[in-house]
Protein backbone atom coordinates (compact mmCIF):
# COMPACT_ATOMS: atom_id res chain seq x y z
CA UNK A 1 176.93 116.03 112.85
CA UNK A 2 174.53 114.13 110.14
CA UNK A 3 177.05 111.15 109.71
CA UNK A 4 177.15 110.51 113.50
CA UNK A 5 173.66 110.46 113.73
CA UNK A 6 173.43 107.71 110.83
CA UNK A 7 175.97 105.73 112.47
CA UNK A 8 173.94 105.70 115.40
CA UNK A 9 170.81 105.17 113.75
CA UNK A 10 171.85 102.48 111.39
CA UNK A 11 173.44 100.29 114.60
CA UNK A 12 170.24 101.16 116.59
CA UNK A 13 168.19 99.59 113.86
CA UNK A 14 170.75 96.84 113.60
CA UNK A 15 170.75 95.87 117.45
CA UNK A 16 167.25 96.20 117.81
CA UNK A 17 166.78 93.73 114.86
CA UNK A 18 169.39 91.08 116.34
CA UNK A 19 167.84 91.39 119.62
CA UNK A 20 164.58 90.70 118.48
CA UNK A 21 165.66 87.69 116.81
CA UNK A 22 167.53 86.65 119.90
CA UNK A 23 164.15 87.18 122.28
CA UNK A 24 162.05 85.32 119.56
CA UNK A 25 164.18 82.40 119.36
CA UNK A 26 164.84 81.79 123.00
CA UNK A 27 161.16 81.84 123.31
CA UNK A 28 160.72 79.66 120.66
CA UNK A 29 163.36 77.07 121.90
CA UNK A 30 162.01 77.85 125.52
CA UNK A 31 159.23 75.49 124.66
CA UNK A 32 161.12 72.34 123.94
CA UNK A 33 162.58 70.29 126.41
CA UNK A 34 165.70 68.81 126.73
CA UNK A 35 167.05 64.98 127.99
CA UNK A 36 166.70 64.07 130.99
CA UNK A 37 164.30 67.42 132.22
CA UNK A 38 167.10 68.96 133.14
CA UNK A 39 166.53 72.66 134.55
CA UNK A 40 169.20 75.32 133.58
CA UNK A 41 170.44 75.08 137.47
CA UNK A 42 171.23 71.32 137.28
CA UNK A 43 172.60 71.80 133.76
CA UNK A 44 175.06 74.61 135.38
CA UNK A 45 175.93 72.09 138.33
CA UNK A 46 176.48 69.21 136.12
CA UNK A 47 179.24 71.28 133.70
CA UNK A 48 180.82 72.72 136.35
CA UNK A 49 181.22 68.76 138.16
CA UNK A 50 181.97 67.34 134.95
CA UNK A 51 184.90 69.88 134.59
CA UNK A 52 186.65 69.60 138.06
CA UNK A 53 185.05 72.95 139.00
CA UNK A 54 183.72 72.64 142.68
CA UNK A 55 184.70 76.63 144.10
CA UNK A 56 181.68 78.20 141.52
CA UNK A 57 177.82 78.86 142.81
CA UNK A 58 175.00 78.85 140.61
CA UNK A 59 172.86 81.01 141.61
CA UNK A 60 169.40 82.70 140.32
CA UNK A 61 169.17 86.90 139.68
CA UNK A 62 166.59 88.79 138.56
CA UNK A 63 165.56 89.85 135.37
CA UNK A 64 164.90 88.68 132.24
CA UNK A 65 168.19 87.19 129.60
CA UNK A 66 170.00 88.59 133.01
CA UNK A 67 172.37 85.78 132.77
CA UNK A 68 175.94 86.22 133.29
CA UNK A 69 179.29 85.11 135.44
CA UNK A 70 181.00 86.83 137.88
CA UNK A 71 184.69 86.32 138.09
CA UNK A 72 184.90 88.50 141.23
CA UNK A 73 182.55 85.89 143.21
CA UNK A 74 183.14 82.83 140.98
CA UNK A 75 179.34 82.91 140.18
CA UNK A 76 177.22 81.74 137.27
CA UNK A 77 173.99 83.79 137.31
CA UNK A 78 170.95 82.61 135.54
CA UNK A 79 167.67 84.67 135.03
CA UNK A 80 164.79 82.56 136.58
CA UNK A 81 163.58 81.65 133.22
CA UNK A 82 166.99 79.79 132.96
CA UNK A 83 167.58 78.84 136.54
CA UNK A 84 164.26 76.81 136.22
CA UNK A 85 163.75 75.60 132.94
CA UNK A 86 163.94 72.70 131.37
CA UNK A 87 164.67 73.78 127.73
CA UNK A 88 167.31 73.92 124.91
CA UNK A 89 167.11 77.63 125.41
CA UNK A 90 167.61 77.29 128.93
CA UNK A 91 170.34 74.73 128.68
CA UNK A 92 172.56 76.47 126.04
CA UNK A 93 172.21 79.79 128.02
CA UNK A 94 173.35 77.56 131.51
CA UNK A 95 176.21 76.25 129.64
CA UNK A 96 177.38 79.07 128.12
CA UNK A 97 177.81 80.89 130.84
CA UNK A 98 179.42 77.78 132.57
CA UNK A 99 181.72 78.12 129.93
CA UNK A 100 182.94 81.46 131.08
CA UNK A 101 183.82 79.96 134.53
CA UNK A 102 185.80 77.09 132.79
CA UNK A 103 187.54 79.97 131.23
CA UNK A 104 188.48 81.32 134.42
CA UNK A 105 189.45 78.44 135.83
CA UNK A 106 191.74 77.57 132.76
CA UNK A 107 193.47 81.22 133.07
CA UNK A 108 191.85 81.42 129.34
CA UNK A 109 194.14 84.47 127.87
CA UNK A 110 191.49 86.30 126.07
CA UNK A 111 189.50 86.65 129.15
CA UNK A 112 192.40 87.66 131.21
CA UNK A 113 192.56 90.56 129.26
CA UNK A 114 189.05 91.60 129.10
CA UNK A 115 189.47 91.18 132.83
CA UNK A 116 192.56 94.04 132.69
CA UNK A 117 190.66 96.16 130.91
CA UNK A 118 187.59 96.45 132.76
CA UNK A 119 189.02 98.86 135.73
CA UNK A 120 190.01 101.19 132.32
CA UNK A 121 186.96 100.65 130.56
CA UNK A 122 184.59 101.33 133.88
CA UNK A 123 186.91 105.08 133.91
CA UNK A 124 186.58 105.84 130.26
CA UNK A 125 182.75 105.27 129.81
CA UNK A 126 182.10 107.58 132.75
CA UNK A 127 183.78 110.29 131.01
CA UNK A 128 184.34 109.88 127.22
CA UNK A 129 181.58 110.92 125.79
CA UNK A 130 181.75 114.14 127.83
CA UNK A 131 185.44 114.82 126.50
CA UNK A 132 184.81 114.00 123.04
CA UNK A 133 181.62 116.22 123.08
CA UNK A 134 184.45 119.06 124.60
CA UNK A 135 186.99 117.92 122.49
CA UNK A 136 184.78 118.76 119.26
CA UNK A 137 183.39 122.31 121.04
CA UNK A 138 187.30 123.50 121.53
CA UNK A 139 188.93 121.48 118.72
CA UNK A 140 190.23 124.48 116.96
CA UNK A 141 191.70 126.24 119.94
CA UNK A 142 192.42 122.56 122.07
CA UNK A 143 192.81 119.61 119.07
CA UNK A 144 194.67 117.52 122.07
CA UNK A 145 191.20 117.18 123.95
CA UNK A 146 189.59 115.51 121.13
CA UNK A 147 192.56 113.37 121.13
CA UNK A 148 192.23 111.96 124.63
CA UNK A 149 188.85 110.96 124.06
CA UNK A 150 190.14 109.29 121.30
CA UNK A 151 192.01 106.92 122.76
CA UNK A 152 189.53 106.54 125.44
CA UNK A 153 186.55 105.70 123.44
CA UNK A 154 189.62 103.17 122.13
CA UNK A 155 189.52 101.73 124.78
CA UNK A 156 185.90 100.67 124.50
CA UNK A 157 186.19 99.74 120.68
CA UNK A 158 189.00 97.59 122.17
CA UNK A 159 187.24 95.96 124.89
CA UNK A 160 184.53 95.14 122.55
CA UNK A 161 186.52 92.98 119.69
CA UNK A 162 188.45 91.15 122.55
CA UNK A 163 185.07 90.55 123.71
CA UNK A 164 184.12 88.44 120.59
CA UNK A 165 186.75 85.52 121.26
CA UNK A 166 185.53 85.38 124.84
CA UNK A 167 182.36 84.40 124.22
CA UNK A 168 182.12 82.58 120.83
CA UNK A 169 185.17 80.07 123.09
CA UNK A 170 182.26 79.78 125.84
CA UNK A 171 179.66 78.71 123.18
CA UNK A 172 182.11 76.47 121.67
CA UNK A 173 183.00 74.81 125.00
CA UNK A 174 179.09 74.38 125.97
CA UNK A 175 178.24 73.16 122.37
CA UNK A 176 180.80 70.68 122.70
CA UNK A 177 179.70 69.54 126.54
CA UNK A 178 175.83 69.72 125.74
CA UNK A 179 176.54 67.28 122.83
CA UNK A 180 178.88 64.93 124.94
CA UNK A 181 176.68 64.84 127.88
CA UNK A 182 173.65 63.70 125.67
CA UNK A 183 171.34 66.83 127.26
CA UNK A 184 170.73 67.83 123.86
CA UNK A 185 169.92 65.42 120.80
CA UNK A 186 170.34 65.26 117.34
CA UNK A 187 167.02 67.34 116.93
CA UNK A 188 167.83 69.81 119.55
CA UNK A 189 171.60 70.49 119.34
CA UNK A 190 171.18 72.61 116.19
CA UNK A 191 168.65 74.98 118.14
CA UNK A 192 171.06 75.59 121.32
CA UNK A 193 173.63 76.52 118.25
CA UNK A 194 171.27 78.73 116.92
CA UNK A 195 170.19 80.47 120.01
CA UNK A 196 173.86 80.75 120.74
CA UNK A 197 174.63 82.54 117.46
CA UNK A 198 172.06 84.90 117.61
CA UNK A 199 173.22 85.82 121.24
CA UNK A 200 176.73 86.42 119.72
CA UNK A 201 175.65 88.18 116.93
CA UNK A 202 175.09 90.85 119.63
CA UNK A 203 178.29 91.40 121.15
CA UNK A 204 179.14 91.50 116.92
CA UNK A 205 177.13 94.30 116.24
CA UNK A 206 178.21 96.45 119.27
CA UNK A 207 182.13 95.70 118.35
CA UNK A 208 181.01 97.22 114.88
CA UNK A 209 179.02 99.79 116.15
CA UNK A 210 182.28 100.83 118.82
CA UNK A 211 184.15 101.00 115.55
CA UNK A 212 182.44 102.91 113.38
CA UNK A 213 182.11 105.55 116.16
CA UNK A 214 185.52 105.53 116.63
CA UNK A 215 186.37 105.64 113.20
CA UNK A 216 184.14 108.78 112.79
CA UNK A 217 185.74 110.72 115.52
CA UNK A 218 189.25 110.37 113.79
CA UNK A 219 187.83 111.70 110.82
CA UNK A 220 187.00 114.79 112.43
CA UNK A 221 190.14 114.69 114.22
CA UNK A 222 192.33 114.08 110.85
CA UNK A 223 190.15 116.78 109.24
CA UNK A 224 190.61 119.76 111.76
CA UNK A 225 192.54 121.79 109.94
CA UNK A 226 190.06 121.36 106.45
């Protein structure tokens, strides 16, 4: 089991490093104001309006970096620091979440695929670790159980990789609009881009960690006769 602990340890460290850098960038860019002094809430409302979206609410939710778009009730949920902030970081995050709302309104295919997988992944995540553990323990007598666990885990890995184009596209939409609207300038736009790039790295690390773990379990299954 040394191999799986190495995988977990490596990606935990990598995830911590990326998360630390993201928080560092957000803290630094939270001190740099955007043009017009607009708050994250005002940025979100304007971006939604400019894209002809009037049925999405912008709300404040507790937590730090807890920002997200909820397609079920059509709400852009912003953390207090983003909702009330008038910085480059707040504007970038608010615009990114509105990018998801625009994807939803335009039936963006990758977002639709991810949404379709949510019920399956929610079910899988609740039982997959127990199935994998039982499958390893019963590998010689009942190898089919480990295979079932691998299939369940593969769904979460697929979900992680489908998430990547969804997040990248939302950032692309956000940055394009921030530039055109004049909310970011030639000096602040690269900072907004950098903040969203580090946020994207967290999803990349999560996807690679999931893939590495999946390959590990596949190797165990393939070598069961050795």
